[in-house]
Amino acid sequence: MAIAFDNSAAAYISTGSTSHTFAFTVGAGSNKGLCIFIHCFDGDRITGVTYATVAMTQINKVKQGTSSDYGYMYYLNAPASGANNFVVSVSPSARISYAISSYSGVLQTGQPEANNSA
């Protein structure tokens, strides 16, 4: 089975908060995988991410050049199908932006296979 794109979403949350919640729908395909990329403004403040109350695994975290911003990548194998909530926990309060994508046909073991940052 080949990997196939399922769904995506992106947004900038201009209001600082310690908990950012937003809905996302994962399709009903088999062997699903879910990635979220988060940009946190003004510090290393992301303390966790869940989808449908299941904790996601942090893959990478990178300081953004000489700014105080950070970028994060989280992943979840076999996410629940249908409309569920993402919750991004932040401490202390911060603004974020995010991009989410879901896929079917994803290998369900050994993830992530590799990661890198520049």
Protein backbone atom coordinates (compact mmCIF):
# COMPACT_ATOMS: atom_id res chain seq x y z
CA MET A 1 0.00 0.00 0.00
CA ALA A 2 1.34 3.44 -0.91
CA ILE A 3 1.20 6.45 1.39
CA ALA A 4 -1.75 8.69 0.50
CA PHE A 5 -2.59 12.22 1.64
CA ASP A 6 -5.77 12.42 3.74
CA ASN A 7 -6.31 15.92 5.16
CA SER A 8 -4.53 19.08 6.28
CA ALA A 9 -5.11 22.36 8.10
CA ALA A 10 -3.07 25.36 9.20
CA ALA A 11 -3.66 28.49 11.29
CA TYR A 12 -2.07 31.29 13.27
CA ILE A 13 -3.42 31.71 16.82
CA SER A 14 -2.85 35.37 17.67
CA THR A 15 -4.03 35.14 21.29
CA GLY A 16 -1.59 33.79 23.86
CA SER A 17 -2.90 30.89 25.94
CA THR A 18 -1.66 27.93 27.97
CA SER A 19 -3.98 25.57 26.06
CA HIS A 20 -4.80 25.84 22.35
CA THR A 21 -7.63 23.51 21.22
CA PHE A 22 -8.76 23.00 17.64
CA ALA A 23 -10.72 20.38 15.69
CA PHE A 24 -9.27 18.22 12.93
CA THR A 25 -10.81 15.35 10.97
CA VAL A 26 -8.84 12.20 10.11
CA GLY A 27 -10.27 10.00 7.36
CA ALA A 28 -11.24 6.35 7.67
CA GLY A 29 -8.31 4.87 5.69
CA SER A 30 -6.09 2.13 7.10
CA ASN A 31 -2.57 2.50 8.56
CA LYS A 32 -2.97 6.17 9.39
CA GLY A 33 -0.33 8.66 10.50
CA LEU A 34 -0.65 12.22 11.74
CA CYS A 35 1.96 15.03 11.85
CA ILE A 36 1.74 18.49 13.37
CA PHE A 37 4.28 21.27 12.98
CA ILE A 38 4.05 24.06 15.57
CA HIS A 39 5.74 27.45 15.66
CA CYS A 40 5.83 28.88 19.20
CA PHE A 41 6.50 32.59 19.49
CA ASP A 42 8.77 33.96 22.24
CA GLY A 43 10.30 30.85 23.77
CA ASP A 44 10.54 27.10 24.20
CA ARG A 45 7.07 26.72 25.70
CA ILE A 46 5.28 23.69 24.22
CA THR A 47 4.84 21.10 26.97
CA GLY A 48 2.77 18.52 25.07
CA VAL A 49 0.33 17.80 22.25
CA THR A 50 -2.62 15.41 22.20
CA TYR A 51 -5.07 14.29 19.51
CA ALA A 52 -8.33 12.72 20.69
CA THR A 53 -6.75 12.75 24.20
CA VAL A 54 -3.82 10.56 23.02
CA ALA A 55 -0.35 12.02 23.60
CA MET A 56 1.65 12.63 20.43
CA THR A 57 5.40 11.92 20.21
CA GLN A 58 7.78 14.86 19.84
CA ILE A 59 10.04 14.18 16.84
CA ASN A 60 12.10 17.35 16.83
CA LYS A 61 12.45 20.82 18.34
CA VAL A 62 14.51 23.63 16.78
CA LYS A 63 15.30 27.18 17.92
CA GLN A 64 14.52 29.56 15.05
CA GLY A 65 17.82 31.33 14.26
CA THR A 66 18.63 34.26 16.53
CA SER A 67 14.99 34.82 17.54
CA SER A 68 13.45 33.37 20.68
CA ASP A 69 10.92 31.37 18.60
CA TYR A 70 10.89 27.56 18.43
CA GLY A 71 9.61 25.05 15.89
CA TYR A 72 8.31 21.61 16.91
CA MET A 73 7.25 18.46 15.09
CA TYR A 74 4.98 15.83 16.67
CA TYR A 75 3.73 12.51 15.24
CA LEU A 76 1.02 9.96 16.04
CA ASN A 77 0.55 6.46 14.59
CA ALA A 78 -3.00 5.16 14.15
CA PRO A 79 -4.90 8.34 15.12
CA ALA A 80 -8.63 8.05 15.77
CA SER A 81 -10.80 8.53 12.67
CA GLY A 82 -13.36 11.30 12.48
CA ALA A 83 -13.49 14.78 14.00
CA ASN A 84 -11.42 15.08 17.17
CA ASN A 85 -9.57 17.81 19.03
CA PHE A 86 -5.90 18.66 19.07
CA VAL A 87 -4.74 20.23 22.32
CA VAL A 88 -1.40 22.06 22.39
CA SER A 89 -0.26 22.70 25.97
CA VAL A 90 1.95 25.74 26.50
CA SER A 91 3.73 27.06 29.60
CA PRO A 92 3.86 29.96 30.08
CA SER A 93 1.18 31.36 27.76
CA ALA A 94 2.24 31.93 24.12
CA ARG A 95 0.98 32.50 20.59
CA ILE A 96 1.40 29.65 18.11
CA SER A 97 0.93 28.76 14.48
CA TYR A 98 0.46 25.20 13.27
CA ALA A 99 0.21 22.99 10.20
CA ILE A 100 -1.33 19.50 10.44
CA SER A 101 -1.44 16.70 7.91
CA SER A 102 -2.80 13.17 8.01
CA TYR A 103 -2.03 10.21 5.76
CA SER A 104 -3.09 6.62 5.15
CA GLY A 105 -0.85 3.72 4.12
CA VAL A 106 1.79 4.65 6.70
CA LEU A 107 4.10 2.03 8.22
CA GLN A 108 2.84 1.52 11.78
CA THR A 109 6.17 0.55 13.38
CA GLY A 110 9.58 2.18 13.50
CA GLN A 111 8.33 5.76 13.19
CA PRO A 112 9.97 8.13 12.75
CA GLU A 113 12.38 6.41 10.43
CA ALA A 114 14.62 9.51 10.45
CA ASN A 115 14.51 13.25 11.09
CA ASN A 116 16.79 16.21 10.59
CA SER A 117 16.86 19.95 11.06
CA ALA A 118 18.79 22.85 9.65
